[in-house]
Amino acid sequence: MRQNIETKREREKKMVSQMIELYCKKQHHTKVGLCAECAELDSYARKRSDKCPFMETKTFCSNCKVHCYNPIMSEKIRKVMRFSGPRMIFHHPFVAIRHVIETKKEKRKLENDK
C-alpha cells in the first residue's frame, strides 16, 4: 500500500510540474526551464504534496477537504490550473485523460458517500 501512495504522490507532483512548466512557457515566455516565480511555485507545490496526510484517500488537491496552500500560493496555483488545465490535452494527452477519469471517479464516490 505504501508503494501505491508514493507512486500516486510522484504522479501528482509530476503533473503539477508539467502544468507549471506549460504556464511558464506560454505566459512568461521561458525557453528552457522555469522563471524564478514559477520555480518557487513548483518547489512549494512539491513540498505540499510531500507533506500531504490525505494522499491515501484523495485524488487531487481540488477534491481535498483541507486546502494547505497559503493564500498567495493558492491564487498562483489556481491561475496555473485555469490556464494549463484545458491545454494539457495537447501537450500531455495521457496525463490529461487520466486526470479527467480519476476526477470523475472521485466526484461520483463523494456523491455516493453523502
N, C-alpha and C. Protein backbone atom coordinates (compact mmCIF):
# COMPACT_ATOMS: atom_id res chain seq x y z
N MET A 1 0.83 -1.20 0.00
CA MET A 1 0.00 0.00 0.00
C MET A 1 0.87 1.25 0.00
N ARG A 2 1.94 1.24 0.77
CA ARG A 2 2.85 2.39 0.85
C ARG A 2 3.42 2.75 -0.51
N GLN A 3 3.77 1.73 -1.30
CA GLN A 3 4.32 1.95 -2.64
C GLN A 3 3.29 2.66 -3.51
N ASN A 4 2.03 2.25 -3.41
CA ASN A 4 0.96 2.83 -4.19
C ASN A 4 0.80 4.32 -3.86
N ILE A 5 0.88 4.67 -2.59
CA ILE A 5 0.76 6.07 -2.16
C ILE A 5 1.92 6.89 -2.71
N GLU A 6 3.11 6.34 -2.65
CA GLU A 6 4.28 7.06 -3.17
C GLU A 6 4.19 7.24 -4.68
N THR A 7 3.70 6.24 -5.38
CA THR A 7 3.52 6.35 -6.83
C THR A 7 2.51 7.43 -7.14
N LYS A 8 1.44 7.45 -6.40
CA LYS A 8 0.39 8.46 -6.56
C LYS A 8 0.94 9.86 -6.28
N ARG A 9 1.70 9.98 -5.23
CA ARG A 9 2.30 11.26 -4.85
C ARG A 9 3.24 11.76 -5.95
N GLU A 10 4.07 10.88 -6.46
CA GLU A 10 5.02 11.26 -7.52
C GLU A 10 4.29 11.64 -8.81
N ARG A 11 3.23 10.92 -9.11
CA ARG A 11 2.44 11.23 -10.31
C ARG A 11 1.79 12.61 -10.18
N GLU A 12 1.26 12.90 -9.00
CA GLU A 12 0.65 14.21 -8.77
C GLU A 12 1.68 15.32 -8.88
N LYS A 13 2.85 15.11 -8.29
CA LYS A 13 3.90 16.13 -8.36
C LYS A 13 4.35 16.36 -9.80
N LYS A 14 4.47 15.28 -10.55
CA LYS A 14 4.89 15.40 -11.95
C LYS A 14 3.85 16.19 -12.75
N MET A 15 2.57 15.90 -12.52
CA MET A 15 1.52 16.58 -13.26
C MET A 15 1.50 18.08 -12.93
N VAL A 16 1.63 18.41 -11.67
CA VAL A 16 1.64 19.82 -11.28
C VAL A 16 2.85 20.52 -11.90
N SER A 17 3.99 19.87 -11.90
CA SER A 17 5.19 20.45 -12.51
C SER A 17 5.00 20.66 -14.01
N GLN A 18 4.35 19.71 -14.67
CA GLN A 18 4.09 19.86 -16.11
C GLN A 18 3.16 21.05 -16.36
N MET A 19 2.17 21.22 -15.50
CA MET A 19 1.24 22.34 -15.67
C MET A 19 1.94 23.68 -15.43
N ILE A 20 2.79 23.73 -14.43
CA ILE A 20 3.54 24.96 -14.15
C ILE A 20 4.49 25.26 -15.30
N GLU A 21 5.14 24.23 -15.82
CA GLU A 21 6.07 24.41 -16.94
C GLU A 21 5.34 24.96 -18.18
N LEU A 22 4.17 24.41 -18.47
CA LEU A 22 3.38 24.87 -19.60
C LEU A 22 2.97 26.33 -19.41
N TYR A 23 2.51 26.65 -18.22
CA TYR A 23 2.11 28.02 -17.89
C TYR A 23 3.28 28.98 -18.07
N CYS A 24 4.42 28.62 -17.51
CA CYS A 24 5.60 29.48 -17.56
C CYS A 24 6.06 29.70 -19.00
N LYS A 25 6.06 28.63 -19.76
CA LYS A 25 6.49 28.73 -21.16
C LYS A 25 5.58 29.65 -21.96
N LYS A 26 4.27 29.52 -21.77
CA LYS A 26 3.31 30.30 -22.56
C LYS A 26 3.06 31.71 -22.01
N GLN A 27 3.08 31.86 -20.69
CA GLN A 27 2.77 33.16 -20.08
C GLN A 27 4.01 34.02 -19.83
N HIS A 28 5.10 33.37 -19.46
CA HIS A 28 6.33 34.12 -19.14
C HIS A 28 7.38 33.98 -20.24
N HIS A 29 7.03 33.24 -21.28
CA HIS A 29 7.87 33.09 -22.49
C HIS A 29 9.27 32.55 -22.20
N THR A 30 9.35 31.60 -21.27
CA THR A 30 10.63 30.97 -20.99
C THR A 30 10.92 29.95 -22.08
N LYS A 31 12.16 29.84 -22.46
CA LYS A 31 12.56 28.88 -23.50
C LYS A 31 12.94 27.55 -22.87
N VAL A 32 13.69 27.61 -21.78
CA VAL A 32 14.15 26.40 -21.09
C VAL A 32 13.94 26.59 -19.59
N GLY A 33 13.41 25.58 -18.96
CA GLY A 33 13.22 25.65 -17.51
C GLY A 33 12.10 26.58 -17.10
N LEU A 34 12.19 27.05 -15.86
CA LEU A 34 11.16 27.91 -15.28
C LEU A 34 11.76 29.25 -14.86
N CYS A 35 10.95 30.29 -14.88
CA CYS A 35 11.37 31.57 -14.33
C CYS A 35 11.43 31.42 -12.81
N ALA A 36 11.98 32.40 -12.13
CA ALA A 36 12.15 32.31 -10.67
C ALA A 36 10.81 32.16 -9.95
N GLU A 37 9.79 32.89 -10.38
CA GLU A 37 8.48 32.84 -9.73
C GLU A 37 7.85 31.45 -9.88
N CYS A 38 7.93 30.90 -11.08
CA CYS A 38 7.34 29.58 -11.32
C CYS A 38 8.16 28.48 -10.65
N ALA A 39 9.47 28.65 -10.59
CA ALA A 39 10.31 27.67 -9.90
C ALA A 39 9.95 27.63 -8.41
N GLU A 40 9.69 28.79 -7.84
CA GLU A 40 9.29 28.86 -6.43
C GLU A 40 7.94 28.17 -6.23
N LEU A 41 6.99 28.41 -7.12
CA LEU A 41 5.68 27.78 -7.02
C LEU A 41 5.79 26.27 -7.17
N ASP A 42 6.62 25.81 -8.11
CA ASP A 42 6.81 24.38 -8.31
C ASP A 42 7.39 23.72 -7.06
N SER A 43 8.40 24.35 -6.49
CA SER A 43 9.02 23.83 -5.28
C SER A 43 8.01 23.78 -4.13
N TYR A 44 7.23 24.83 -3.99
CA TYR A 44 6.21 24.91 -2.94
C TYR A 44 5.17 23.80 -3.12
N ALA A 45 4.68 23.63 -4.35
CA ALA A 45 3.65 22.62 -4.63
C ALA A 45 4.18 21.22 -4.33
N ARG A 46 5.42 20.96 -4.69
CA ARG A 46 6.02 19.65 -4.44
C ARG A 46 6.16 19.39 -2.93
N LYS A 47 6.55 20.42 -2.19
CA LYS A 47 6.67 20.26 -0.72
C LYS A 47 5.30 19.99 -0.10
N ARG A 48 4.28 20.69 -0.57
CA ARG A 48 2.93 20.48 -0.03
C ARG A 48 2.48 19.04 -0.31
N SER A 49 2.76 18.56 -1.49
CA SER A 49 2.39 17.18 -1.84
C SER A 49 3.15 16.17 -0.98
N ASP A 50 4.44 16.44 -0.75
CA ASP A 50 5.25 15.55 0.08
C ASP A 50 4.69 15.43 1.50
N LYS A 51 4.09 16.50 2.01
CA LYS A 51 3.61 16.51 3.38
C LYS A 51 2.12 16.18 3.51
N CYS A 52 1.46 15.90 2.40
CA CYS A 52 0.02 15.67 2.43
C CYS A 52 -0.33 14.40 3.20
N PRO A 53 -1.11 14.54 4.29
CA PRO A 53 -1.50 13.36 5.06
C PRO A 53 -2.71 12.63 4.45
N PHE A 54 -3.35 13.22 3.44
CA PHE A 54 -4.55 12.64 2.86
C PHE A 54 -4.31 11.95 1.52
N MET A 55 -3.06 11.77 1.14
CA MET A 55 -2.72 11.21 -0.16
C MET A 55 -3.38 9.85 -0.40
N GLU A 56 -3.55 9.09 0.65
CA GLU A 56 -4.12 7.76 0.52
C GLU A 56 -5.57 7.80 0.06
N THR A 57 -6.31 8.83 0.48
CA THR A 57 -7.75 8.86 0.21
C THR A 57 -8.18 9.87 -0.84
N LYS A 58 -7.34 10.83 -1.19
CA LYS A 58 -7.78 11.84 -2.16
C LYS A 58 -7.18 11.56 -3.53
N THR A 59 -7.79 12.14 -4.55
CA THR A 59 -7.22 12.01 -5.88
C THR A 59 -6.35 13.23 -6.17
N PHE A 60 -6.92 14.41 -6.05
CA PHE A 60 -6.19 15.64 -6.35
C PHE A 60 -6.52 16.69 -5.30
N CYS A 61 -5.68 17.68 -5.19
CA CYS A 61 -5.87 18.74 -4.19
C CYS A 61 -7.25 19.40 -4.31
N SER A 62 -7.73 19.54 -5.53
CA SER A 62 -9.03 20.19 -5.73
C SER A 62 -10.17 19.42 -5.06
N ASN A 63 -9.99 18.13 -4.83
CA ASN A 63 -11.01 17.31 -4.18
C ASN A 63 -10.80 17.17 -2.67
N CYS A 64 -9.80 17.82 -2.16
CA CYS A 64 -9.45 17.68 -0.74
C CYS A 64 -10.29 18.62 0.12
N LYS A 65 -10.62 18.17 1.31
CA LYS A 65 -11.39 19.00 2.25
C LYS A 65 -10.52 20.07 2.90
N VAL A 66 -9.23 19.80 3.00
CA VAL A 66 -8.29 20.73 3.63
C VAL A 66 -7.40 21.32 2.55
N HIS A 67 -7.37 22.63 2.46
CA HIS A 67 -6.50 23.28 1.48
C HIS A 67 -5.32 23.88 2.23
N CYS A 68 -4.16 23.30 2.00
CA CYS A 68 -2.99 23.61 2.81
C CYS A 68 -2.08 24.68 2.20
N TYR A 69 -2.40 25.17 1.01
CA TYR A 69 -1.59 26.22 0.40
C TYR A 69 -1.87 27.55 1.12
N ASN A 70 -0.82 28.37 1.27
CA ASN A 70 -1.08 29.71 1.81
C ASN A 70 -1.83 30.50 0.74
N PRO A 71 -2.54 31.57 1.12
CA PRO A 71 -3.41 32.27 0.17
C PRO A 71 -2.70 32.78 -1.10
N ILE A 72 -1.49 33.26 -0.98
CA ILE A 72 -0.77 33.79 -2.14
C ILE A 72 -0.45 32.65 -3.11
N MET A 73 0.10 31.57 -2.59
CA MET A 73 0.44 30.43 -3.45
C MET A 73 -0.82 29.76 -3.99
N SER A 74 -1.88 29.77 -3.22
CA SER A 74 -3.14 29.20 -3.67
C SER A 74 -3.65 29.95 -4.90
N GLU A 75 -3.57 31.25 -4.87
CA GLU A 75 -4.01 32.06 -6.02
C GLU A 75 -3.11 31.81 -7.23
N LYS A 76 -1.81 31.69 -7.00
CA LYS A 76 -0.88 31.43 -8.10
C LYS A 76 -1.16 30.07 -8.75
N ILE A 77 -1.36 29.04 -7.93
CA ILE A 77 -1.59 27.71 -8.49
C ILE A 77 -2.95 27.66 -9.17
N ARG A 78 -3.91 28.41 -8.67
CA ARG A 78 -5.23 28.48 -9.30
C ARG A 78 -5.10 29.06 -10.72
N LYS A 79 -4.29 30.11 -10.87
CA LYS A 79 -4.05 30.70 -12.19
C LYS A 79 -3.42 29.69 -13.14
N VAL A 80 -2.43 28.98 -12.62
CA VAL A 80 -1.74 27.96 -13.43
C VAL A 80 -2.73 26.90 -13.87
N MET A 81 -3.56 26.41 -12.96
CA MET A 81 -4.51 25.35 -13.27
C MET A 81 -5.55 25.82 -14.29
N ARG A 82 -6.04 27.03 -14.13
CA ARG A 82 -7.02 27.56 -15.08
C ARG A 82 -6.44 27.67 -16.48
N PHE A 83 -5.19 28.09 -16.55
CA PHE A 83 -4.56 28.24 -17.86
C PHE A 83 -4.15 26.90 -18.44
N SER A 84 -3.43 26.11 -17.67
CA SER A 84 -2.83 24.88 -18.19
C SER A 84 -3.81 23.72 -18.33
N GLY A 85 -4.79 23.66 -17.45
CA GLY A 85 -5.73 22.54 -17.47
C GLY A 85 -6.29 22.23 -18.85
N PRO A 86 -6.95 23.20 -19.50
CA PRO A 86 -7.52 22.93 -20.82
C PRO A 86 -6.48 22.64 -21.91
N ARG A 87 -5.26 23.08 -21.72
CA ARG A 87 -4.21 22.90 -22.73
C ARG A 87 -3.43 21.60 -22.56
N MET A 88 -3.60 20.94 -21.42
CA MET A 88 -2.84 19.71 -21.15
C MET A 88 -3.14 18.62 -22.17
N ILE A 89 -4.35 18.58 -22.69
CA ILE A 89 -4.71 17.54 -23.66
C ILE A 89 -3.82 17.61 -24.91
N PHE A 90 -3.33 18.78 -25.24
CA PHE A 90 -2.49 18.95 -26.42
C PHE A 90 -1.01 18.70 -26.14
N HIS A 91 -0.61 18.90 -24.89
CA HIS A 91 0.80 18.78 -24.52
C HIS A 91 1.13 17.47 -23.80
N HIS A 92 0.20 17.00 -23.00
CA HIS A 92 0.38 15.75 -22.24
C HIS A 92 -0.96 15.00 -22.24
N PRO A 93 -1.36 14.45 -23.40
CA PRO A 93 -2.70 13.87 -23.52
C PRO A 93 -2.98 12.71 -22.56
N PHE A 94 -2.03 11.82 -22.37
CA PHE A 94 -2.26 10.68 -21.48
C PHE A 94 -2.53 11.15 -20.05
N VAL A 95 -1.72 12.09 -19.58
CA VAL A 95 -1.88 12.64 -18.23
C VAL A 95 -3.24 13.32 -18.10
N ALA A 96 -3.62 14.10 -19.11
CA ALA A 96 -4.88 14.84 -19.07
C ALA A 96 -6.08 13.90 -19.02
N ILE A 97 -6.05 12.87 -19.84
CA ILE A 97 -7.17 11.91 -19.87
C ILE A 97 -7.28 11.16 -18.55
N ARG A 98 -6.14 10.71 -18.02
CA ARG A 98 -6.15 10.02 -16.73
C ARG A 98 -6.69 10.93 -15.62
N HIS A 99 -6.33 12.20 -15.66
CA HIS A 99 -6.79 13.16 -14.67
C HIS A 99 -8.32 13.31 -14.73
N VAL A 100 -8.87 13.43 -15.92
CA VAL A 100 -10.32 13.57 -16.08
C VAL A 100 -11.04 12.33 -15.55
N ILE A 101 -10.54 11.16 -15.91
CA ILE A 101 -11.16 9.91 -15.47
C ILE A 101 -11.11 9.79 -13.95
N GLU A 102 -9.96 10.04 -13.36
CA GLU A 102 -9.82 9.92 -11.90
C GLU A 102 -10.67 10.95 -11.17
N THR A 103 -10.76 12.16 -11.72
CA THR A 103 -11.58 13.21 -11.10
C THR A 103 -13.05 12.82 -11.12
N LYS A 104 -13.52 12.31 -12.24
CA LYS A 104 -14.93 11.89 -12.34
C LYS A 104 -15.24 10.75 -11.37
N LYS A 105 -14.32 9.78 -11.26
CA LYS A 105 -14.50 8.68 -10.32
C LYS A 105 -14.60 9.21 -8.89
N GLU A 106 -13.72 10.13 -8.55
CA GLU A 106 -13.70 10.69 -7.19
C GLU A 106 -14.99 11.46 -6.91
N LYS A 107 -15.45 12.25 -7.86
CA LYS A 107 -16.69 13.01 -7.65
C LYS A 107 -17.88 12.08 -7.46
N ARG A 108 -17.94 11.00 -8.25
CA ARG A 108 -19.01 10.01 -8.09
C ARG A 108 -18.95 9.37 -6.71
N LYS A 109 -17.73 9.03 -6.29
CA LYS A 109 -17.54 8.41 -4.98
C LYS A 109 -17.99 9.35 -3.86
N LEU A 110 -17.62 10.61 -3.97
CA LEU A 110 -18.02 11.60 -2.95
C LEU A 110 -19.53 11.78 -2.91
N GLU A 111 -20.18 11.78 -4.07
CA GLU A 111 -21.64 11.92 -4.13
C GLU A 111 -22.32 10.70 -3.50
N ASN A 112 -21.79 9.51 -3.74
CA ASN A 112 -22.37 8.29 -3.18
C ASN A 112 -22.16 8.19 -1.68
N ASP A 113 -21.12 8.82 -1.16
CA ASP A 113 -20.83 8.78 0.28
C ASP A 113 -21.72 9.72 1.08
N LYS A 114 -22.41 10.62 0.42
CA LYS A 114 -23.26 11.61 1.14
C LYS A 114 -24.48 10.98 1.73
